[in-house]
Amino acid sequence: MQWAPTSRTVATFASVFPHVLHLRPLDILLGSNAPIPFDPARLRARLEEPAIKAKIEAARVAPADMARWAEMVVGRWEPTSLRPFPDVNTDLFPKDEYYLNNIGTGLAIGTHR
């Protein structure tokens, strides 16, 4: 599981895992070496379980919002899917430095008030 703040993050993630789901509006990527069984109805049912619902409400998220998110698959890649992403991040030449990109905006780690 990975946060997907940029299209380059999505591209990099999709270049590594053979099976990928991209969910919005939270911009979450799920990756696996095996197929990812994604069943929106089952996820909605799980979100209604009392223990899970209590955690969602404690996070001040409306359970109905979470249920809507269960149907927002904006990307799905399988091993044979074309990855139309030419620009990926690498350890040797990282391009998405989240901390450095936010210097001067008040959003850098340790400076947000």
PDB file of N, CA and C in Angstrom:
ATOM      1  N   MET A   1       0.850  -1.166   0.000  1.00  0.00           N
ATOM      2  CA  MET A   1       0.000   0.000   0.000  1.00  0.00           C
ATOM      3  C   MET A   1       0.896   1.229   0.000  1.00  0.00           C
ATOM      4  N   GLN A   2       0.515   2.224  -0.813  1.00  0.00           N
ATOM      5  CA  GLN A   2       1.319   3.428  -0.961  1.00  0.00           C
ATOM      6  C   GLN A   2       0.414   4.606  -1.262  1.00  0.00           C
ATOM      7  N   TRP A   3       0.742   5.741  -0.700  1.00  0.00           N
ATOM      8  CA  TRP A   3       0.086   6.992  -1.024  1.00  0.00           C
ATOM      9  C   TRP A   3       0.517   7.390  -2.435  1.00  0.00           C
ATOM     10  N   ALA A   4      -0.370   7.978  -3.211  1.00  0.00           N
ATOM     11  CA  ALA A   4      -0.073   8.338  -4.596  1.00  0.00           C
ATOM     12  C   ALA A   4      -0.206   9.849  -4.809  1.00  0.00           C
ATOM     13  N   PRO A   5       0.723  10.632  -4.291  1.00  0.00           N
ATOM     14  CA  PRO A   5       0.591  12.085  -4.408  1.00  0.00           C
ATOM     15  C   PRO A   5       0.888  12.644  -5.793  1.00  0.00           C
ATOM     16  N   THR A   6       1.632  11.899  -6.618  1.00  0.00           N
ATOM     17  CA  THR A   6       1.978  12.401  -7.951  1.00  0.00           C
ATOM     18  C   THR A   6       1.807  11.294  -8.988  1.00  0.00           C
ATOM     19  N   SER A   7       1.679  11.687 -10.237  1.00  0.00           N
ATOM     20  CA  SER A   7       1.569  10.688 -11.300  1.00  0.00           C
ATOM     21  C   SER A   7       2.857   9.875 -11.413  1.00  0.00           C
ATOM     22  N   ARG A   8       3.991  10.477 -11.071  1.00  0.00           N
ATOM     23  CA  ARG A   8       5.264   9.748 -11.102  1.00  0.00           C
ATOM     24  C   ARG A   8       5.279   8.654 -10.017  1.00  0.00           C
ATOM     25  N   THR A   9       4.648   8.927  -8.875  1.00  0.00           N
ATOM     26  CA  THR A   9       4.538   7.909  -7.833  1.00  0.00           C
ATOM     27  C   THR A   9       3.715   6.731  -8.344  1.00  0.00           C
ATOM     28  N   VAL A  10       2.612   7.012  -9.017  1.00  0.00           N
ATOM     29  CA  VAL A  10       1.777   5.955  -9.597  1.00  0.00           C
ATOM     30  C   VAL A  10       2.594   5.171 -10.621  1.00  0.00           C
ATOM     31  N   ALA A  11       3.315   5.884 -11.475  1.00  0.00           N
ATOM     32  CA  ALA A  11       4.125   5.233 -12.510  1.00  0.00           C
ATOM     33  C   ALA A  11       5.180   4.318 -11.900  1.00  0.00           C
ATOM     34  N   THR A  12       5.851   4.797 -10.872  1.00  0.00           N
ATOM     35  CA  THR A  12       6.902   4.011 -10.230  1.00  0.00           C
ATOM     36  C   THR A  12       6.317   2.769  -9.580  1.00  0.00           C
ATOM     37  N   PHE A  13       5.230   2.940  -8.847  1.00  0.00           N
ATOM     38  CA  PHE A  13       4.573   1.824  -8.172  1.00  0.00           C
ATOM     39  C   PHE A  13       4.107   0.784  -9.187  1.00  0.00           C
ATOM     40  N   ALA A  14       3.467   1.252 -10.266  1.00  0.00           N
ATOM     41  CA  ALA A  14       2.956   0.333 -11.287  1.00  0.00           C
ATOM     42  C   ALA A  14       4.077  -0.362 -12.048  1.00  0.00           C
ATOM     43  N   SER A  15       5.278   0.223 -12.046  1.00  0.00           N
ATOM     44  CA  SER A  15       6.401  -0.429 -12.727  1.00  0.00           C
ATOM     45  C   SER A  15       7.013  -1.542 -11.879  1.00  0.00           C
ATOM     46  N   VAL A  16       6.690  -1.570 -10.600  1.00  0.00           N
ATOM     47  CA  VAL A  16       7.294  -2.530  -9.674  1.00  0.00           C
ATOM     48  C   VAL A  16       6.396  -3.738  -9.420  1.00  0.00           C
ATOM     49  N   PHE A  17       5.096  -3.489  -9.247  1.00  0.00           N
ATOM     50  CA  PHE A  17       4.173  -4.570  -8.914  1.00  0.00           C
ATOM     51  C   PHE A  17       3.424  -5.046 -10.150  1.00  0.00           C
ATOM     52  N   PRO A  18       3.283  -6.350 -10.328  1.00  0.00           N
ATOM     53  CA  PRO A  18       2.544  -6.849 -11.484  1.00  0.00           C
ATOM     54  C   PRO A  18       1.032  -6.608 -11.380  1.00  0.00           C
ATOM     55  N   HIS A  19       0.503  -6.524 -10.167  1.00  0.00           N
ATOM     56  CA  HIS A  19      -0.935  -6.298  -9.945  1.00  0.00           C
ATOM     57  C   HIS A  19      -1.085  -5.033  -9.109  1.00  0.00           C
ATOM     58  N   VAL A  20      -1.808  -4.050  -9.646  1.00  0.00           N
ATOM     59  CA  VAL A  20      -1.945  -2.759  -8.968  1.00  0.00           C
ATOM     60  C   VAL A  20      -3.382  -2.262  -9.080  1.00  0.00           C
ATOM     61  N   LEU A  21      -3.882  -1.715  -7.975  1.00  0.00           N
ATOM     62  CA  LEU A  21      -5.151  -0.992  -7.951  1.00  0.00           C
ATOM     63  C   LEU A  21      -4.861   0.428  -7.486  1.00  0.00           C
ATOM     64  N   HIS A  22      -5.462   1.408  -8.135  1.00  0.00           N
ATOM     65  CA  HIS A  22      -5.345   2.812  -7.731  1.00  0.00           C
ATOM     66  C   HIS A  22      -6.731   3.272  -7.320  1.00  0.00           C
ATOM     67  N   LEU A  23      -6.881   3.647  -6.060  1.00  0.00           N
ATOM     68  CA  LEU A  23      -8.176   4.054  -5.506  1.00  0.00           C
ATOM     69  C   LEU A  23      -8.169   5.545  -5.189  1.00  0.00           C
ATOM     70  N   ARG A  24      -9.275   6.190  -5.530  1.00  0.00           N
ATOM     71  CA  ARG A  24      -9.456   7.594  -5.187  1.00  0.00           C
ATOM     72  C   ARG A  24     -10.762   7.744  -4.436  1.00  0.00           C
ATOM     73  N   PRO A  25     -10.976   8.788  -3.702  1.00  0.00           N
ATOM     74  CA  PRO A  25     -10.263  10.054  -3.674  1.00  0.00           C
ATOM     75  C   PRO A  25      -9.065  10.086  -2.739  1.00  0.00           C
ATOM     76  N   LEU A  26      -8.799   9.018  -2.019  1.00  0.00           N
ATOM     77  CA  LEU A  26      -7.669   9.029  -1.093  1.00  0.00           C
ATOM     78  C   LEU A  26      -6.323   8.865  -1.788  1.00  0.00           C
ATOM     79  N   ASP A  27      -6.322   8.553  -3.047  1.00  0.00           N
ATOM     80  CA  ASP A  27      -5.097   8.302  -3.809  1.00  0.00           C
ATOM     81  C   ASP A  27      -4.236   7.250  -3.134  1.00  0.00           C
ATOM     82  N   ILE A  28      -4.784   6.053  -3.067  1.00  0.00           N
ATOM     83  CA  ILE A  28      -4.094   4.909  -2.471  1.00  0.00           C
ATOM     84  C   ILE A  28      -3.779   3.912  -3.573  1.00  0.00           C
ATOM     85  N   LEU A  29      -2.573   3.370  -3.523  1.00  0.00           N
ATOM     86  CA  LEU A  29      -2.164   2.311  -4.443  1.00  0.00           C
ATOM     87  C   LEU A  29      -2.035   1.020  -3.660  1.00  0.00           C
ATOM     88  N   LEU A  30      -2.593  -0.048  -4.197  1.00  0.00           N
ATOM     89  CA  LEU A  30      -2.441  -1.380  -3.634  1.00  0.00           C
ATOM     90  C   LEU A  30      -1.662  -2.197  -4.652  1.00  0.00           C
ATOM     91  N   GLY A  31      -0.579  -2.819  -4.236  1.00  0.00           N
ATOM     92  CA  GLY A  31       0.225  -3.606  -5.158  1.00  0.00           C
ATOM     93  C   GLY A  31       0.499  -4.985  -4.609  1.00  0.00           C
ATOM     94  N   SER A  32       0.641  -5.957  -5.528  1.00  0.00           N
ATOM     95  CA  SER A  32       0.861  -7.330  -5.105  1.00  0.00           C
ATOM     96  C   SER A  32       1.511  -8.127  -6.232  1.00  0.00           C
ATOM     97  N   ASN A  33       2.155  -9.221  -5.847  1.00  0.00           N
ATOM     98  CA  ASN A  33       2.664 -10.168  -6.834  1.00  0.00           C
ATOM     99  C   ASN A  33       1.559 -11.089  -7.323  1.00  0.00           C
ATOM    100  N   ALA A  34       0.472 -11.148  -6.559  1.00  0.00           N
ATOM    101  CA  ALA A  34      -0.676 -12.005  -6.898  1.00  0.00           C
ATOM    102  C   ALA A  34      -1.869 -11.120  -7.253  1.00  0.00           C
ATOM    103  N   PRO A  35      -2.832 -11.655  -7.977  1.00  0.00           N
ATOM    104  CA  PRO A  35      -4.033 -10.868  -8.288  1.00  0.00           C
ATOM    105  C   PRO A  35      -4.679 -10.314  -7.016  1.00  0.00           C
ATOM    106  N   ILE A  36      -5.209  -9.111  -7.123  1.00  0.00           N
ATOM    107  CA  ILE A  36      -5.847  -8.451  -5.982  1.00  0.00           C
ATOM    108  C   ILE A  36      -7.361  -8.615  -6.135  1.00  0.00           C
ATOM    109  N   PRO A  37      -7.964  -9.450  -5.284  1.00  0.00           N
ATOM    110  CA  PRO A  37      -9.420  -9.596  -5.378  1.00  0.00           C
ATOM    111  C   PRO A  37     -10.081  -8.360  -4.777  1.00  0.00           C
ATOM    112  N   PHE A  38     -10.743  -7.602  -5.602  1.00  0.00           N
ATOM    113  CA  PHE A  38     -11.382  -6.379  -5.128  1.00  0.00           C
ATOM    114  C   PHE A  38     -12.872  -6.483  -5.390  1.00  0.00           C
ATOM    115  N   ASP A  39     -13.633  -6.532  -4.317  1.00  0.00           N
ATOM    116  CA  ASP A  39     -15.080  -6.674  -4.386  1.00  0.00           C
ATOM    117  C   ASP A  39     -15.705  -5.511  -3.618  1.00  0.00           C
ATOM    118  N   PRO A  40     -16.183  -4.475  -4.312  1.00  0.00           N
ATOM    119  CA  PRO A  40     -16.757  -3.317  -3.628  1.00  0.00           C
ATOM    120  C   PRO A  40     -17.870  -3.669  -2.650  1.00  0.00           C
ATOM    121  N   ALA A  41     -18.726  -4.629  -2.985  1.00  0.00           N
ATOM    122  CA  ALA A  41     -19.824  -5.010  -2.085  1.00  0.00           C
ATOM    123  C   ALA A  41     -19.273  -5.606  -0.793  1.00  0.00           C
ATOM    124  N   ARG A  42     -18.259  -6.436  -0.913  1.00  0.00           N
ATOM    125  CA  ARG A  42     -17.648  -7.031   0.287  1.00  0.00           C
ATOM    126  C   ARG A  42     -16.976  -5.958   1.143  1.00  0.00           C
ATOM    127  N   LEU A  43     -16.309  -5.006   0.487  1.00  0.00           N
ATOM    128  CA  LEU A  43     -15.674  -3.925   1.241  1.00  0.00           C
ATOM    129  C   LEU A  43     -16.722  -3.092   1.970  1.00  0.00           C
ATOM    130  N   ARG A  44     -17.820  -2.758   1.284  1.00  0.00           N
ATOM    131  CA  ARG A  44     -18.895  -2.003   1.944  1.00  0.00           C
ATOM    132  C   ARG A  44     -19.436  -2.758   3.156  1.00  0.00           C
ATOM    133  N   ALA A  45     -19.597  -4.063   3.026  1.00  0.00           N
ATOM    134  CA  ALA A  45     -20.088  -4.877   4.148  1.00  0.00           C
ATOM    135  C   ALA A  45     -19.101  -4.844   5.312  1.00  0.00           C
ATOM    136  N   ARG A  46     -17.814  -4.946   5.008  1.00  0.00           N
ATOM    137  CA  ARG A  46     -16.800  -4.886   6.069  1.00  0.00           C
ATOM    138  C   ARG A  46     -16.802  -3.534   6.768  1.00  0.00           C
ATOM    139  N   LEU A  47     -17.036  -2.468   5.991  1.00  0.00           N
ATOM    140  CA  LEU A  47     -17.067  -1.122   6.579  1.00  0.00           C
ATOM    141  C   LEU A  47     -18.241  -0.949   7.539  1.00  0.00           C
ATOM    142  N   GLU A  48     -19.242  -1.802   7.420  1.00  0.00           N
ATOM    143  CA  GLU A  48     -20.405  -1.741   8.306  1.00  0.00           C
ATOM    144  C   GLU A  48     -20.218  -2.562   9.584  1.00  0.00           C
ATOM    145  N   GLU A  49     -19.167  -3.357   9.659  1.00  0.00           N
ATOM    146  CA  GLU A  49     -18.923  -4.139  10.880  1.00  0.00           C
ATOM    147  C   GLU A  49     -18.671  -3.178  12.034  1.00  0.00           C
ATOM    148  N   PRO A  50     -19.263  -3.442  13.210  1.00  0.00           N
ATOM    149  CA  PRO A  50     -19.186  -2.501  14.331  1.00  0.00           C
ATOM    150  C   PRO A  50     -17.760  -2.067  14.696  1.00  0.00           C
ATOM    151  N   ALA A  51     -16.821  -2.989  14.764  1.00  0.00           N
ATOM    152  CA  ALA A  51     -15.458  -2.624  15.160  1.00  0.00           C
ATOM    153  C   ALA A  51     -14.800  -1.711  14.124  1.00  0.00           C
ATOM    154  N   ILE A  52     -15.020  -2.007  12.858  1.00  0.00           N
ATOM    155  CA  ILE A  52     -14.428  -1.192  11.801  1.00  0.00           C
ATOM    156  C   ILE A  52     -15.125   0.162  11.731  1.00  0.00           C
ATOM    157  N   LYS A  53     -16.446   0.161  11.846  1.00  0.00           N
ATOM    158  CA  LYS A  53     -17.210   1.405  11.816  1.00  0.00           C
ATOM    159  C   LYS A  53     -16.786   2.331  12.954  1.00  0.00           C
ATOM    160  N   ALA A  54     -16.523   1.764  14.133  1.00  0.00           N
ATOM    161  CA  ALA A  54     -16.084   2.564  15.274  1.00  0.00           C
ATOM    162  C   ALA A  54     -14.737   3.231  14.990  1.00  0.00           C
ATOM    163  N   LYS A  55     -13.829   2.509  14.334  1.00  0.00           N
ATOM    164  CA  LYS A  55     -12.511   3.085  13.988  1.00  0.00           C
ATOM    165  C   LYS A  55     -12.669   4.215  12.977  1.00  0.00           C
ATOM    166  N   ILE A  56     -13.555   4.024  12.008  1.00  0.00           N
ATOM    167  CA  ILE A  56     -13.788   5.053  10.995  1.00  0.00           C
ATOM    168  C   ILE A  56     -14.362   6.307  11.648  1.00  0.00           C
ATOM    169  N   GLU A  57     -15.334   6.114  12.509  1.00  0.00           N
ATOM    170  CA  GLU A  57     -15.949   7.254  13.189  1.00  0.00           C
ATOM    171  C   GLU A  57     -14.963   7.938  14.126  1.00  0.00           C
ATOM    172  N   ALA A  58     -14.086   7.172  14.782  1.00  0.00           N
ATOM    173  CA  ALA A  58     -13.067   7.764  15.652  1.00  0.00           C
ATOM    174  C   ALA A  58     -12.096   8.626  14.855  1.00  0.00           C
ATOM    175  N   ALA A  59     -11.905   8.290  13.576  1.00  0.00           N
ATOM    176  CA  ALA A  59     -11.036   9.076  12.703  1.00  0.00           C
ATOM    177  C   ALA A  59     -11.777  10.278  12.117  1.00  0.00           C
ATOM    178  N   ARG A  60     -13.042  10.454  12.533  1.00  0.00           N
ATOM    179  CA  ARG A  60     -13.890  11.555  12.080  1.00  0.00           C
ATOM    180  C   ARG A  60     -14.135  11.523  10.571  1.00  0.00           C
ATOM    181  N   VAL A  61     -14.311  10.312  10.081  1.00  0.00           N
ATOM    182  CA  VAL A  61     -14.672  10.108   8.679  1.00  0.00           C
ATOM    183  C   VAL A  61     -16.068   9.509   8.671  1.00  0.00           C
ATOM    184  N   ALA A  62     -16.911  10.014   7.817  1.00  0.00           N
ATOM    185  CA  ALA A  62     -18.266   9.492   7.731  1.00  0.00           C
ATOM    186  C   ALA A  62     -18.242   8.113   7.074  1.00  0.00           C
ATOM    187  N   PRO A  63     -18.846   7.102   7.716  1.00  0.00           N
ATOM    188  CA  PRO A  63     -18.881   5.764   7.104  1.00  0.00           C
ATOM    189  C   PRO A  63     -19.447   5.764   5.691  1.00  0.00           C
ATOM    190  N   ALA A  64     -20.394   6.643   5.408  1.00  0.00           N
ATOM    191  CA  ALA A  64     -20.961   6.706   4.051  1.00  0.00           C
ATOM    192  C   ALA A  64     -19.901   7.141   3.043  1.00  0.00           C
ATOM    193  N   ASP A  65     -18.995   8.048   3.455  1.00  0.00           N
ATOM    194  CA  ASP A  65     -17.907   8.469   2.574  1.00  0.00           C
ATOM    195  C   ASP A  65     -16.983   7.298   2.271  1.00  0.00           C
ATOM    196  N   MET A  66     -16.676   6.519   3.287  1.00  0.00           N
ATOM    197  CA  MET A  66     -15.811   5.352   3.081  1.00  0.00           C
ATOM    198  C   MET A  66     -16.463   4.379   2.105  1.00  0.00           C
ATOM    199  N   ALA A  67     -17.756   4.194   2.203  1.00  0.00           N
ATOM    200  CA  ALA A  67     -18.455   3.274   1.306  1.00  0.00           C
ATOM    201  C   ALA A  67     -18.364   3.751  -0.142  1.00  0.00           C
ATOM    202  N   ARG A  68     -18.473   5.071  -0.353  1.00  0.00           N
ATOM    203  CA  ARG A  68     -18.337   5.609  -1.721  1.00  0.00           C
ATOM    204  C   ARG A  68     -16.932   5.370  -2.260  1.00  0.00           C
ATOM    205  N   TRP A  69     -15.932   5.477  -1.392  1.00  0.00           N
ATOM    206  CA  TRP A  69     -14.551   5.283  -1.818  1.00  0.00           C
ATOM    207  C   TRP A  69     -14.310   3.850  -2.272  1.00  0.00           C
ATOM    208  N   ALA A  70     -15.136   2.935  -1.806  1.00  0.00           N
ATOM    209  CA  ALA A  70     -14.966   1.530  -2.170  1.00  0.00           C
ATOM    210  C   ALA A  70     -15.209   1.279  -3.649  1.00  0.00           C
ATOM    211  N   GLU A  71     -15.807   2.230  -4.328  1.00  0.00           N
ATOM    212  CA  GLU A  71     -16.126   2.040  -5.741  1.00  0.00           C
ATOM    213  C   GLU A  71     -15.302   2.919  -6.671  1.00  0.00           C
ATOM    214  N   MET A  72     -14.289   3.567  -6.145  1.00  0.00           N
ATOM    215  CA  MET A  72     -13.534   4.510  -6.947  1.00  0.00           C
ATOM    216  C   MET A  72     -12.193   3.951  -7.387  1.00  0.00           C
ATOM    217  N   VAL A  73     -12.225   2.881  -8.151  1.00  0.00           N
ATOM    218  CA  VAL A  73     -10.999   2.334  -8.730  1.00  0.00           C
ATOM    219  C   VAL A  73     -10.738   3.129 -10.000  1.00  0.00           C
ATOM    220  N   VAL A  74      -9.652   3.888 -10.013  1.00  0.00           N
ATOM    221  CA  VAL A  74      -9.342   4.702 -11.188  1.00  0.00           C
ATOM    222  C   VAL A  74      -8.242   4.079 -12.040  1.00  0.00           C
ATOM    223  N   GLY A  75      -7.606   3.064 -11.507  1.00  0.00           N
ATOM    224  CA  GLY A  75      -6.576   2.378 -12.271  1.00  0.00           C
ATOM    225  C   GLY A  75      -6.448   0.942 -11.817  1.00  0.00           C
ATOM    226  N   ARG A  76      -6.252   0.057 -12.765  1.00  0.00           N
ATOM    227  CA  ARG A  76      -6.028  -1.356 -12.456  1.00  0.00           C
ATOM    228  C   ARG A  76      -5.045  -1.868 -13.494  1.00  0.00           C
ATOM    229  N   TRP A  77      -3.948  -2.434 -13.011  1.00  0.00           N
ATOM    230  CA  TRP A  77      -2.942  -3.001 -13.906  1.00  0.00           C
ATOM    231  C   TRP A  77      -2.692  -4.451 -13.533  1.00  0.00           C
ATOM    232  N   GLU A  78      -2.630  -5.277 -14.536  1.00  0.00           N
ATOM    233  CA  GLU A  78      -2.313  -6.704 -14.412  1.00  0.00           C
ATOM    234  C   GLU A  78      -0.967  -6.919 -15.099  1.00  0.00           C
ATOM    235  N   PRO A  79      -0.371  -8.110 -14.961  1.00  0.00           N
ATOM    236  CA  PRO A  79       0.955  -8.325 -15.566  1.00  0.00           C
ATOM    237  C   PRO A  79       1.022  -8.027 -17.066  1.00  0.00           C
ATOM    238  N   THR A  80      -0.061  -8.232 -17.787  1.00  0.00           N
ATOM    239  CA  THR A  80      -0.029  -8.003 -19.235  1.00  0.00           C
ATOM    240  C   THR A  80      -0.491  -6.595 -19.620  1.00  0.00           C
ATOM    241  N   SER A  81      -0.881  -5.785 -18.623  1.00  0.00           N
ATOM    242  CA  SER A  81      -1.357  -4.424 -18.910  1.00  0.00           C
ATOM    243  C   SER A  81      -0.204  -3.525 -19.331  1.00  0.00           C
ATOM    244  N   LEU A  82      -0.474  -2.691 -20.309  1.00  0.00           N
ATOM    245  CA  LEU A  82       0.491  -1.697 -20.743  1.00  0.00           C
ATOM    246  C   LEU A  82       0.665  -0.674 -19.633  1.00  0.00           C
ATOM    247  N   ARG A  83       1.906  -0.373 -19.309  1.00  0.00           N
ATOM    248  CA  ARG A  83       2.201   0.675 -18.332  1.00  0.00           C
ATOM    249  C   ARG A  83       2.613   1.918 -19.126  1.00  0.00           C
ATOM    250  N   PRO A  84       1.682   2.836 -19.368  1.00  0.00           N
ATOM    251  CA  PRO A  84       1.992   3.986 -20.221  1.00  0.00           C
ATOM    252  C   PRO A  84       2.693   5.113 -19.471  1.00  0.00           C
ATOM    253  N   PHE A  85       3.622   4.761 -18.619  1.00  0.00           N
ATOM    254  CA  PHE A  85       4.295   5.759 -17.798  1.00  0.00           C
ATOM    255  C   PHE A  85       5.788   5.791 -18.134  1.00  0.00           C
ATOM    256  N   PRO A  86       6.244   6.779 -18.854  1.00  0.00           N
ATOM    257  CA  PRO A  86       7.662   6.806 -19.210  1.00  0.00           C
ATOM    258  C   PRO A  86       8.565   7.312 -18.088  1.00  0.00           C
ATOM    259  N   ASP A  87       8.011   8.044 -17.124  1.00  0.00           N
ATOM    260  CA  ASP A  87       8.836   8.715 -16.126  1.00  0.00           C
ATOM    261  C   ASP A  87       8.613   8.113 -14.742  1.00  0.00           C
ATOM    262  N   VAL A  88       9.607   7.403 -14.232  1.00  0.00           N
ATOM    263  CA  VAL A  88       9.503   6.797 -12.913  1.00  0.00           C
ATOM    264  C   VAL A  88      10.593   7.346 -11.996  1.00  0.00           C
ATOM    265  N   ASN A  89      10.371   7.196 -10.716  1.00  0.00           N
ATOM    266  CA  ASN A  89      11.336   7.595  -9.700  1.00  0.00           C
ATOM    267  C   ASN A  89      12.320   6.456  -9.469  1.00  0.00           C
ATOM    268  N   THR A  90      13.571   6.776  -9.222  1.00  0.00           N
ATOM    269  CA  THR A  90      14.562   5.761  -8.868  1.00  0.00           C
ATOM    270  C   THR A  90      15.284   6.202  -7.613  1.00  0.00           C
ATOM    271  N   ASP A  91      15.898   5.252  -6.921  1.00  0.00           N
ATOM    272  CA  ASP A  91      16.662   5.597  -5.724  1.00  0.00           C
ATOM    273  C   ASP A  91      17.870   6.462  -6.062  1.00  0.00           C
ATOM    274  N   LEU A  92      18.491   6.204  -7.210  1.00  0.00           N
ATOM    275  CA  LEU A  92      19.677   6.958  -7.580  1.00  0.00           C
ATOM    276  C   LEU A  92      19.362   8.378  -8.023  1.00  0.00           C
ATOM    277  N   PHE A  93      18.223   8.567  -8.657  1.00  0.00           N
ATOM    278  CA  PHE A  93      17.839   9.883  -9.150  1.00  0.00           C
ATOM    279  C   PHE A  93      16.389  10.194  -8.782  1.00  0.00           C
ATOM    280  N   PRO A  94      16.113  10.387  -7.471  1.00  0.00           N
ATOM    281  CA  PRO A  94      14.736  10.663  -7.056  1.00  0.00           C
ATOM    282  C   PRO A  94      14.281  12.021  -7.573  1.00  0.00           C
ATOM    283  N   LYS A  95      13.038  12.076  -8.028  1.00  0.00           N
ATOM    284  CA  LYS A  95      12.488  13.323  -8.558  1.00  0.00           C
ATOM    285  C   LYS A  95      11.385  13.872  -7.672  1.00  0.00           C
ATOM    286  N   ASP A  96      10.770  13.034  -6.879  1.00  0.00           N
ATOM    287  CA  ASP A  96       9.679  13.465  -6.007  1.00  0.00           C
ATOM    288  C   ASP A  96      10.171  13.494  -4.570  1.00  0.00           C
ATOM    289  N   GLU A  97      10.835  14.555  -4.228  1.00  0.00           N
ATOM    290  CA  GLU A  97      11.294  14.743  -2.849  1.00  0.00           C
ATOM    291  C   GLU A  97      10.262  15.616  -2.161  1.00  0.00           C
ATOM    292  N   TYR A  98       9.349  14.991  -1.440  1.00  0.00           N
ATOM    293  CA  TYR A  98       8.208  15.699  -0.880  1.00  0.00           C
ATOM    294  C   TYR A  98       8.631  16.777   0.110  1.00  0.00           C
ATOM    295  N   TYR A  99       9.634  16.514   0.908  1.00  0.00           N
ATOM    296  CA  TYR A  99      10.095  17.507   1.874  1.00  0.00           C
ATOM    297  C   TYR A  99      10.702  18.703   1.146  1.00  0.00           C
ATOM    298  N   LEU A 100      11.605  18.459   0.207  1.00  0.00           N
ATOM    299  CA  LEU A 100      12.276  19.552  -0.477  1.00  0.00           C
ATOM    300  C   LEU A 100      11.326  20.384  -1.324  1.00  0.00           C
ATOM    301  N   ASN A 101      10.324  19.755  -1.907  1.00  0.00           N
ATOM    302  CA  ASN A 101       9.371  20.495  -2.733  1.00  0.00           C
ATOM    303  C   ASN A 101       8.506  21.438  -1.916  1.00  0.00           C
ATOM    304  N   ASN A 102       8.470  21.250  -0.617  1.00  0.00           N
ATOM    305  CA  ASN A 102       7.603  22.068   0.219  1.00  0.00           C
ATOM    306  C   ASN A 102       8.356  23.127   1.018  1.00  0.00           C
ATOM    307  N   ILE A 103       9.654  23.236   0.864  1.00  0.00           N
ATOM    308  CA  ILE A 103      10.405  24.272   1.577  1.00  0.00           C
ATOM    309  C   ILE A 103       9.919  25.625   1.087  1.00  0.00           C
ATOM    310  N   GLY A 104       9.635  26.487   2.027  1.00  0.00           N
ATOM    311  CA  GLY A 104       9.167  27.816   1.680  1.00  0.00           C
ATOM    312  C   GLY A 104       7.654  27.918   1.598  1.00  0.00           C
ATOM    313  N   THR A 105       6.965  26.791   1.655  1.00  0.00           N
ATOM    314  CA  THR A 105       5.507  26.842   1.588  1.00  0.00           C
ATOM    315  C   THR A 105       4.864  26.708   2.958  1.00  0.00           C
ATOM    316  N   GLY A 106       5.685  26.431   3.976  1.00  0.00           N
ATOM    317  CA  GLY A 106       5.127  26.213   5.299  1.00  0.00           C
ATOM    318  C   GLY A 106       4.620  24.807   5.485  1.00  0.00           C
ATOM    319  N   LEU A 107       4.829  23.937   4.483  1.00  0.00           N
ATOM    320  CA  LEU A 107       4.329  22.581   4.582  1.00  0.00           C
ATOM    321  C   LEU A 107       5.437  21.558   4.810  1.00  0.00           C
ATOM    322  N   ALA A 108       6.671  22.026   4.874  1.00  0.00           N
ATOM    323  CA  ALA A 108       7.779  21.094   5.081  1.00  0.00           C
ATOM    324  C   ALA A 108       7.678  20.491   6.470  1.00  0.00           C
ATOM    325  N   ILE A 109       8.164  19.289   6.612  1.00  0.00           N
ATOM    326  CA  ILE A 109       8.131  18.606   7.907  1.00  0.00           C
ATOM    327  C   ILE A 109       8.819  19.470   8.951  1.00  0.00           C
ATOM    328  N   GLY A 110       8.167  19.658  10.068  1.00  0.00           N
ATOM    329  CA  GLY A 110       8.752  20.414  11.163  1.00  0.00           C
ATOM    330  C   GLY A 110       8.490  21.909  11.076  1.00  0.00           C
ATOM    331  N   THR A 111       7.921  22.404   9.977  1.00  0.00           N
ATOM    332  CA  THR A 111       7.679  23.839   9.886  1.00  0.00           C
ATOM    333  C   THR A 111       6.207  24.178   9.839  1.00  0.00           C
ATOM    334  N   HIS A 112       5.356  23.175   9.661  1.00  0.00           N
ATOM    335  CA  HIS A 112       3.912  23.450   9.581  1.00  0.00           C
ATOM    336  C   HIS A 112       3.379  23.765  10.957  1.00  0.00           C
ATOM    337  N   ARG A 113       2.659  24.831  11.066  1.00  0.00           N
ATOM    338  CA  ARG A 113       2.100  25.230  12.377  1.00  0.00           C
ATOM    339  C   ARG A 113       0.597  25.291  12.296  1.00  0.00           C
TER     340      ARG A 113
END
